[in-house]
């Protein structure tokens, strides 16, 4: 499950029922809309050394792995929908210096930010520029440096309904 709280700390080390647990729970950024309708949805999860939670997202830094796993599926229970997301890029960032945005003043500002995020990524899998597409960013700890995060960018056509 993907959960959401009033801040990005609550589920960092808590299970669904609120009990403390080092694995935490996969959660969406607190500023995102709970219906996943934002132009940029951020989803976080721990990279546990036993291979659980979001550990597989760190593997996307390897081009071969990313090419073999180019589609991510997210199921949303609220609308009984399956989101089929195409992996666009993977970036390993310093968590102290990179801020991932979720909202924008104009469509042009959004398109410029999202396309710049893709273009500057460590691994770009190709594809057209993101025009009118919703972007999802899946972020997890990685161990290239003491404060690295692997961010996997994936997109889906923006709903017109």
Protein backbone atom coordinates (compact mmCIF):
# COMPACT_ATOMS: atom_id res chain seq x y z
CA UNK A 1 0.00 0.00 0.00
CA UNK A 2 0.93 3.63 -0.52
CA UNK A 3 -0.13 5.81 2.40
CA UNK A 4 -0.04 9.52 3.12
CA UNK A 5 0.19 11.58 6.31
CA UNK A 6 0.24 15.26 7.25
CA UNK A 7 4.05 15.27 6.94
CA UNK A 8 6.78 13.12 5.38
CA UNK A 9 8.05 11.83 8.72
CA UNK A 10 5.05 9.96 10.11
CA UNK A 11 5.31 6.75 8.03
CA UNK A 12 9.10 6.86 7.73
CA UNK A 13 9.34 4.44 10.68
CA UNK A 14 5.72 3.38 11.20
CA UNK A 15 3.54 0.61 9.85
CA UNK A 16 0.01 1.12 8.55
CA UNK A 17 -1.41 0.85 12.07
CA UNK A 18 1.01 3.48 13.41
CA UNK A 19 3.29 1.13 15.34
CA UNK A 20 7.03 1.84 15.14
CA UNK A 21 8.97 -0.28 12.65
CA UNK A 22 12.36 0.36 11.02
CA UNK A 23 10.96 -0.60 7.59
CA UNK A 24 8.33 2.11 7.67
CA UNK A 25 5.58 2.12 5.05
CA UNK A 26 5.68 3.26 1.43
CA UNK A 27 4.23 6.75 1.39
CA UNK A 28 3.30 9.56 -0.94
CA UNK A 29 4.60 13.08 -0.32
CA UNK A 30 2.30 14.94 2.04
CA UNK A 31 1.73 17.78 -0.46
CA UNK A 32 0.50 15.46 -3.22
CA UNK A 33 -3.22 14.99 -3.80
CA UNK A 34 -4.39 11.70 -2.33
CA UNK A 35 -6.09 10.72 -5.61
CA UNK A 36 -2.72 10.62 -7.46
CA UNK A 37 -3.87 13.39 -9.83
CA UNK A 38 -0.83 15.66 -9.45
CA UNK A 39 1.50 16.52 -12.29
CA UNK A 40 4.37 15.08 -10.25
CA UNK A 41 3.59 12.43 -7.63
CA UNK A 42 6.42 11.57 -5.23
CA UNK A 43 6.49 8.17 -3.54
CA UNK A 44 9.07 7.23 -0.91
CA UNK A 45 10.19 3.96 0.62
CA UNK A 46 13.21 2.61 2.47
CA UNK A 47 15.91 0.56 0.76
CA UNK A 48 16.28 -2.22 3.29
CA UNK A 49 19.44 -4.34 3.25
CA UNK A 50 17.32 -7.52 3.25
CA UNK A 51 15.90 -6.53 -0.15
CA UNK A 52 12.48 -5.41 1.06
CA UNK A 53 10.39 -2.26 0.75
CA UNK A 54 11.93 -0.15 -2.09
CA UNK A 55 15.30 -1.93 -2.36
CA UNK A 56 14.60 -2.88 -5.98
CA UNK A 57 14.28 0.78 -6.98
CA UNK A 58 17.99 1.28 -6.18
CA UNK A 59 18.75 -1.41 -8.79
CA UNK A 60 17.39 0.89 -11.51
CA UNK A 61 20.74 2.74 -11.48
CA UNK A 62 22.01 -0.22 -13.53
CA UNK A 63 21.05 0.31 -17.20
CA UNK A 64 20.46 -3.39 -17.89
CA UNK A 65 18.15 -3.71 -14.88
CA UNK A 66 16.26 -0.56 -15.89
CA UNK A 67 15.82 -1.79 -19.48
CA UNK A 68 14.44 -5.10 -18.18
CA UNK A 69 11.96 -3.32 -15.88
CA UNK A 70 10.69 -0.43 -18.00
CA UNK A 71 7.09 -0.64 -16.76
CA UNK A 72 5.89 -0.01 -13.21
CA UNK A 73 2.32 -0.81 -12.22
CA UNK A 74 0.53 1.05 -9.44
CA UNK A 75 -2.94 -0.05 -8.39
CA UNK A 76 -5.21 2.48 -6.74
CA UNK A 77 -8.04 1.05 -4.70
CA UNK A 78 -10.01 4.30 -4.44
CA UNK A 79 -10.84 4.26 -8.16
CA UNK A 80 -9.96 0.62 -8.87
CA UNK A 81 -7.45 1.73 -11.48
CA UNK A 82 -4.18 0.27 -12.71
CA UNK A 83 -1.60 2.90 -13.63
CA UNK A 84 0.90 1.64 -16.18
CA UNK A 85 4.00 3.80 -15.88
CA UNK A 86 6.92 3.89 -18.31
CA UNK A 87 10.32 4.38 -16.70
CA UNK A 88 11.89 7.48 -18.26
CA UNK A 89 15.03 8.09 -16.23
CA UNK A 90 16.97 7.27 -13.08
CA UNK A 91 18.97 9.76 -11.07
CA UNK A 92 21.17 9.29 -8.01
CA UNK A 93 21.01 12.54 -6.06
CA UNK A 94 22.35 14.03 -2.87
CA UNK A 95 19.31 14.28 -0.62
CA UNK A 96 20.69 17.44 1.01
CA UNK A 97 20.87 19.32 -2.30
CA UNK A 98 17.98 18.04 -4.40
CA UNK A 99 14.41 19.11 -3.80
CA UNK A 100 11.72 17.31 -5.77
CA UNK A 101 8.80 19.57 -6.69
CA UNK A 102 5.14 18.60 -6.89
CA UNK A 103 3.35 21.78 -7.99
CA UNK A 104 3.90 24.44 -10.62
CA UNK A 105 2.46 27.81 -11.63
CA UNK A 106 1.92 26.98 -15.29
CA UNK A 107 1.91 23.97 -17.59
CA UNK A 108 5.01 25.38 -19.28
CA UNK A 109 6.85 25.66 -15.94
CA UNK A 110 5.89 22.07 -15.13
CA UNK A 111 7.00 20.73 -18.53
CA UNK A 112 10.32 22.59 -18.27
CA UNK A 113 11.01 21.31 -14.74
CA UNK A 114 10.07 17.71 -15.51
CA UNK A 115 11.99 17.58 -18.79
CA UNK A 116 15.04 19.15 -17.11
CA UNK A 117 14.83 16.55 -14.32
CA UNK A 118 14.82 13.79 -16.93
CA UNK A 119 17.58 15.33 -19.07
CA UNK A 120 20.04 15.77 -16.17
CA UNK A 121 19.47 12.27 -14.81
CA UNK A 122 22.31 9.75 -14.61
CA UNK A 123 20.41 7.30 -16.81
CA UNK A 124 17.90 8.34 -19.47
CA UNK A 125 15.97 5.58 -21.16
CA UNK A 126 14.79 7.73 -24.04
CA UNK A 127 11.38 8.61 -25.26
CA UNK A 128 9.73 11.86 -26.12
CA UNK A 129 9.65 14.97 -24.00
CA UNK A 130 7.01 14.97 -21.28
CA UNK A 131 4.23 17.18 -22.60
CA UNK A 132 0.95 16.76 -20.75
CA UNK A 133 2.07 13.59 -18.99
CA UNK A 134 1.87 12.91 -15.30
CA UNK A 135 5.25 12.07 -13.78
CA UNK A 136 5.79 9.79 -10.82
CA UNK A 137 9.06 9.87 -8.90
CA UNK A 138 9.91 6.87 -6.72
CA UNK A 139 12.67 7.72 -4.24
CA UNK A 140 14.69 5.45 -1.99
CA UNK A 141 17.99 5.49 -0.11
CA UNK A 142 21.01 4.32 -2.01
CA UNK A 143 24.57 3.89 -0.93
CA UNK A 144 26.78 5.60 -3.51
CA UNK A 145 27.47 8.32 -0.89
CA UNK A 146 26.42 8.84 2.71
CA UNK A 147 23.25 10.68 1.70
CA UNK A 148 22.36 9.38 -1.77
CA UNK A 149 18.85 8.79 -3.01
CA UNK A 150 17.92 6.91 -6.16
CA UNK A 151 14.99 8.54 -7.92
CA UNK A 152 13.17 6.58 -10.62
CA UNK A 153 11.07 8.80 -12.90
CA UNK A 154 8.15 7.17 -14.69
CA UNK A 155 5.32 8.69 -16.65
CA UNK A 156 1.77 7.95 -17.69
CA UNK A 157 -0.43 9.87 -20.07
CA UNK A 158 -2.33 12.62 -18.22
CA UNK A 159 -5.99 11.76 -17.86
CA UNK A 160 -8.26 13.97 -19.89
CA UNK A 161 -11.49 12.91 -18.20
